[in-house]
Amino acid sequence: MTDALSIGQVAERTGLSVHALRFYEREGILADPVRRESNGRRIYTEDDVDWLQMCVRFRASGMPLETIRRYTDLVRQGPGNERDRLALLQSHQQHIRTQLDELTECLNVITYKVDYYSEAVASGTAESLWVGGSGAGSAQAAAANQ
């Protein structure tokens, strides 16, 4: 078997722990059953690594394990459910786009603050950015603390 990989090799290649690989197997996340040697050791293939790397990306994007399991089940069923697979992926794609929009708004606020503070530090007026006590202070300080 030329592409036989041990669980340790697959862990290294995917960034998953050996424990996580066993968990994924128990949870039905792998597209194909993991083969075993006569001594019971797991044997993985390049296809398994490719599948797991995709699943790692799905998880990193926030896809719940249940959704990954559903996708895996659809793939295992073979041809005829491509619309279901597409709908599942499109739904998650939209979820990620919404998250990206929210993160972009957060980044815009942080970028404004970085620019504001950078200008204040460069111009030597940074000490006026802190509004303490009763909240009284200059308009510049108020703007920086918005």
C-alpha atoms as a PDB file:
ATOM      1  CA  MET A   1       0.000   0.000   0.000  1.00  0.00           C
ATOM      2  CA  THR A   2       1.897   3.041  -1.256  1.00  0.00           C
ATOM      3  CA  ASP A   3      -0.127   5.818   0.301  1.00  0.00           C
ATOM      4  CA  ALA A   4      -0.632   4.231   3.723  1.00  0.00           C
ATOM      5  CA  LEU A   5      -0.264   6.850   6.444  1.00  0.00           C
ATOM      6  CA  SER A   6      -0.184   6.365  10.196  1.00  0.00           C
ATOM      7  CA  ILE A   7      -2.410   8.325  12.531  1.00  0.00           C
ATOM      8  CA  GLY A   8       0.653  10.319  13.645  1.00  0.00           C
ATOM      9  CA  GLN A   9       1.501  11.275  10.055  1.00  0.00           C
ATOM     10  CA  VAL A  10      -2.087  12.359   9.419  1.00  0.00           C
ATOM     11  CA  ALA A  11      -2.119  14.364  12.649  1.00  0.00           C
ATOM     12  CA  GLU A  12       1.036  16.155  11.540  1.00  0.00           C
ATOM     13  CA  ARG A  13      -0.291  16.853   8.040  1.00  0.00           C
ATOM     14  CA  THR A  14      -3.728  18.089   9.142  1.00  0.00           C
ATOM     15  CA  GLY A  15      -2.846  19.884  12.357  1.00  0.00           C
ATOM     16  CA  LEU A  16      -5.351  17.727  14.221  1.00  0.00           C
ATOM     17  CA  SER A  17      -4.347  15.828  17.329  1.00  0.00           C
ATOM     18  CA  VAL A  18      -4.441  12.043  17.369  1.00  0.00           C
ATOM     19  CA  HIS A  19      -7.308  12.382  19.835  1.00  0.00           C
ATOM     20  CA  ALA A  20      -9.207  14.664  17.412  1.00  0.00           C
ATOM     21  CA  LEU A  21      -8.683  12.198  14.558  1.00  0.00           C
ATOM     22  CA  ARG A  22     -10.144   9.388  16.648  1.00  0.00           C
ATOM     23  CA  PHE A  23     -13.022  11.673  17.638  1.00  0.00           C
ATOM     24  CA  TYR A  24     -13.714  12.563  13.982  1.00  0.00           C
ATOM     25  CA  GLU A  25     -13.756   8.878  13.137  1.00  0.00           C
ATOM     26  CA  ARG A  26     -16.202   8.069  15.980  1.00  0.00           C
ATOM     27  CA  GLU A  27     -18.416  11.013  15.002  1.00  0.00           C
ATOM     28  CA  GLY A  28     -18.695   9.879  11.378  1.00  0.00           C
ATOM     29  CA  ILE A  29     -16.847  12.861   9.942  1.00  0.00           C
ATOM     30  CA  LEU A  30     -14.584  10.858   7.620  1.00  0.00           C
ATOM     31  CA  ALA A  31     -15.983  10.185   4.161  1.00  0.00           C
ATOM     32  CA  ASP A  32     -14.634   6.626   4.061  1.00  0.00           C
ATOM     33  CA  PRO A  33     -14.138   4.137   6.877  1.00  0.00           C
ATOM     34  CA  VAL A  34     -10.567   4.109   8.160  1.00  0.00           C
ATOM     35  CA  ARG A  35      -8.849   0.867   7.267  1.00  0.00           C
ATOM     36  CA  ARG A  36      -6.927  -1.085   9.872  1.00  0.00           C
ATOM     37  CA  GLU A  37      -3.789  -3.176   9.779  1.00  0.00           C
ATOM     38  CA  SER A  38      -3.936  -6.706  11.131  1.00  0.00           C
ATOM     39  CA  ASN A  39      -2.707  -5.373  14.494  1.00  0.00           C
ATOM     40  CA  GLY A  40      -5.582  -2.857  14.617  1.00  0.00           C
ATOM     41  CA  ARG A  41      -3.596   0.267  13.767  1.00  0.00           C
ATOM     42  CA  ARG A  42      -5.395   2.793  11.628  1.00  0.00           C
ATOM     43  CA  ILE A  43      -4.251   3.251   8.041  1.00  0.00           C
ATOM     44  CA  TYR A  44      -5.103   6.514   6.302  1.00  0.00           C
ATOM     45  CA  THR A  45      -4.843   7.492   2.648  1.00  0.00           C
ATOM     46  CA  GLU A  46      -4.106  10.737   0.837  1.00  0.00           C
ATOM     47  CA  ASP A  47      -7.850  10.998   0.162  1.00  0.00           C
ATOM     48  CA  ASP A  48      -8.442  10.864   3.927  1.00  0.00           C
ATOM     49  CA  VAL A  49      -5.914  13.659   4.438  1.00  0.00           C
ATOM     50  CA  ASP A  50      -7.567  15.801   1.737  1.00  0.00           C
ATOM     51  CA  TRP A  51     -10.993  15.225   3.300  1.00  0.00           C
ATOM     52  CA  LEU A  52      -9.752  16.024   6.800  1.00  0.00           C
ATOM     53  CA  GLN A  53      -8.036  19.207   5.601  1.00  0.00           C
ATOM     54  CA  MET A  54     -11.351  20.322   4.126  1.00  0.00           C
ATOM     55  CA  CYS A  55     -13.105  19.498   7.408  1.00  0.00           C
ATOM     56  CA  VAL A  56     -10.484  21.504   9.311  1.00  0.00           C
ATOM     57  CA  ARG A  57     -11.325  24.501   7.095  1.00  0.00           C
ATOM     58  CA  PHE A  58     -15.032  23.940   7.673  1.00  0.00           C
ATOM     59  CA  ARG A  59     -14.469  23.914  11.455  1.00  0.00           C
ATOM     60  CA  ALA A  60     -12.175  26.945  11.298  1.00  0.00           C
ATOM     61  CA  SER A  61     -14.975  28.790   9.513  1.00  0.00           C
ATOM     62  CA  GLY A  62     -17.356  27.952  12.348  1.00  0.00           C
ATOM     63  CA  MET A  63     -19.258  25.123  10.700  1.00  0.00           C
ATOM     64  CA  PRO A  64     -20.797  22.962  13.439  1.00  0.00           C
ATOM     65  CA  LEU A  65     -19.794  19.301  13.595  1.00  0.00           C
ATOM     66  CA  GLU A  66     -23.418  18.332  12.995  1.00  0.00           C
ATOM     67  CA  THR A  67     -23.370  20.216   9.679  1.00  0.00           C
ATOM     68  CA  ILE A  68     -20.075  18.615   8.679  1.00  0.00           C
ATOM     69  CA  ARG A  69     -21.549  15.228   9.577  1.00  0.00           C
ATOM     70  CA  ARG A  70     -24.619  15.987   7.447  1.00  0.00           C
ATOM     71  CA  TYR A  71     -22.401  16.993   4.521  1.00  0.00           C
ATOM     72  CA  THR A  72     -20.344  13.817   4.979  1.00  0.00           C
ATOM     73  CA  ASP A  73     -23.505  11.710   5.014  1.00  0.00           C
ATOM     74  CA  LEU A  74     -24.670  13.322   1.784  1.00  0.00           C
ATOM     75  CA  VAL A  75     -21.321  12.656   0.112  1.00  0.00           C
ATOM     76  CA  ARG A  76     -21.378   9.040   1.268  1.00  0.00           C
ATOM     77  CA  GLN A  77     -24.822   8.595  -0.282  1.00  0.00           C
ATOM     78  CA  GLY A  78     -23.306   9.308  -3.682  1.00  0.00           C
ATOM     79  CA  PRO A  79     -24.889  11.018  -6.684  1.00  0.00           C
ATOM     80  CA  GLY A  80     -28.390  12.448  -6.603  1.00  0.00           C
ATOM     81  CA  ASN A  81     -28.200  14.811  -3.623  1.00  0.00           C
ATOM     82  CA  GLU A  82     -25.980  17.510  -5.077  1.00  0.00           C
ATOM     83  CA  ARG A  83     -28.688  20.155  -4.549  1.00  0.00           C
ATOM     84  CA  ASP A  84     -28.775  19.285  -0.837  1.00  0.00           C
ATOM     85  CA  ARG A  85     -24.993  19.561  -0.619  1.00  0.00           C
ATOM     86  CA  LEU A  86     -25.103  22.867  -2.463  1.00  0.00           C
ATOM     87  CA  ALA A  87     -27.802  24.246  -0.169  1.00  0.00           C
ATOM     88  CA  LEU A  88     -25.815  23.237   2.911  1.00  0.00           C
ATOM     89  CA  LEU A  89     -22.661  24.896   1.584  1.00  0.00           C
ATOM     90  CA  GLN A  90     -24.506  28.026   0.446  1.00  0.00           C
ATOM     91  CA  SER A  91     -26.091  28.416   3.866  1.00  0.00           C
ATOM     92  CA  HIS A  92     -22.708  28.275   5.552  1.00  0.00           C
ATOM     93  CA  GLN A  93     -21.238  30.585   2.929  1.00  0.00           C
ATOM     94  CA  GLN A  94     -23.885  33.172   3.773  1.00  0.00           C
ATOM     95  CA  HIS A  95     -23.155  32.741   7.487  1.00  0.00           C
ATOM     96  CA  ILE A  96     -19.468  33.454   6.826  1.00  0.00           C
ATOM     97  CA  ARG A  97     -20.310  36.500   4.693  1.00  0.00           C
ATOM     98  CA  THR A  98     -22.409  37.891   7.545  1.00  0.00           C
ATOM     99  CA  GLN A  99     -19.520  37.290   9.953  1.00  0.00           C
ATOM    100  CA  LEU A 100     -17.122  38.996   7.552  1.00  0.00           C
ATOM    101  CA  ASP A 101     -19.405  42.038   7.350  1.00  0.00           C
ATOM    102  CA  GLU A 102     -19.524  42.232  11.148  1.00  0.00           C
ATOM    103  CA  LEU A 103     -15.761  41.822  11.417  1.00  0.00           C
ATOM    104  CA  THR A 104     -15.249  44.498   8.772  1.00  0.00           C
ATOM    105  CA  GLU A 105     -17.294  46.907  10.893  1.00  0.00           C
ATOM    106  CA  CYS A 106     -15.138  46.037  13.910  1.00  0.00           C
ATOM    107  CA  LEU A 107     -11.976  46.498  11.874  1.00  0.00           C
ATOM    108  CA  ASN A 108     -13.172  49.912  10.695  1.00  0.00           C
ATOM    109  CA  VAL A 109     -13.601  51.074  14.304  1.00  0.00           C
ATOM    110  CA  ILE A 110     -10.172  49.740  15.279  1.00  0.00           C
ATOM    111  CA  THR A 111      -8.548  51.285  12.200  1.00  0.00           C
ATOM    112  CA  TYR A 112     -10.096  54.647  13.080  1.00  0.00           C
ATOM    113  CA  LYS A 113      -8.727  54.362  16.623  1.00  0.00           C
ATOM    114  CA  VAL A 114      -5.259  53.327  15.416  1.00  0.00           C
ATOM    115  CA  ASP A 115      -5.145  56.239  12.976  1.00  0.00           C
ATOM    116  CA  TYR A 116      -6.364  58.665  15.636  1.00  0.00           C
ATOM    117  CA  TYR A 117      -3.845  57.507  18.220  1.00  0.00           C
ATOM    118  CA  SER A 118      -1.019  57.354  15.667  1.00  0.00           C
ATOM    119  CA  GLU A 119      -1.645  60.978  14.752  1.00  0.00           C
ATOM    120  CA  ALA A 120      -1.840  62.026  18.412  1.00  0.00           C
ATOM    121  CA  VAL A 121       1.367  60.191  19.309  1.00  0.00           C
ATOM    122  CA  ALA A 122       3.194  61.595  16.276  1.00  0.00           C
ATOM    123  CA  SER A 123       2.060  65.153  17.025  1.00  0.00           C
ATOM    124  CA  GLY A 124       2.886  64.905  20.739  1.00  0.00           C
ATOM    125  CA  THR A 125      -0.714  65.367  21.894  1.00  0.00           C
ATOM    126  CA  ALA A 126      -1.343  61.821  23.129  1.00  0.00           C
ATOM    127  CA  GLU A 127      -1.539  62.879  26.776  1.00  0.00           C
ATOM    128  CA  SER A 128      -4.764  64.737  26.001  1.00  0.00           C
ATOM    129  CA  LEU A 129      -6.503  61.575  24.805  1.00  0.00           C
ATOM    130  CA  TRP A 130      -7.368  60.310  28.278  1.00  0.00           C
ATOM    131  CA  VAL A 131     -10.603  61.566  29.765  1.00  0.00           C
ATOM    132  CA  GLY A 132     -10.600  60.695  33.428  1.00  0.00           C
ATOM    133  CA  GLY A 133     -12.763  61.351  36.435  1.00  0.00           C
ATOM    134  CA  SER A 134     -15.974  63.169  35.600  1.00  0.00           C
ATOM    135  CA  GLY A 135     -15.575  62.691  31.878  1.00  0.00           C
ATOM    136  CA  ALA A 136     -14.730  66.336  31.285  1.00  0.00           C
ATOM    137  CA  GLY A 137     -12.181  67.017  28.605  1.00  0.00           C
ATOM    138  CA  SER A 138     -11.579  68.447  25.215  1.00  0.00           C
ATOM    139  CA  ALA A 139     -13.574  67.573  22.132  1.00  0.00           C
ATOM    140  CA  GLN A 140     -10.443  65.834  20.869  1.00  0.00           C
ATOM    141  CA  ALA A 141     -10.332  63.593  23.950  1.00  0.00           C
ATOM    142  CA  ALA A 142     -14.040  62.877  23.692  1.00  0.00           C
ATOM    143  CA  ALA A 143     -13.642  61.833  20.056  1.00  0.00           C
ATOM    144  CA  ALA A 144     -10.776  59.495  20.932  1.00  0.00           C
ATOM    145  CA  ASN A 145     -12.808  57.778  23.648  1.00  0.00           C
ATOM    146  CA  GLN A 146     -15.969  57.252  21.615  1.00  0.00           C
END
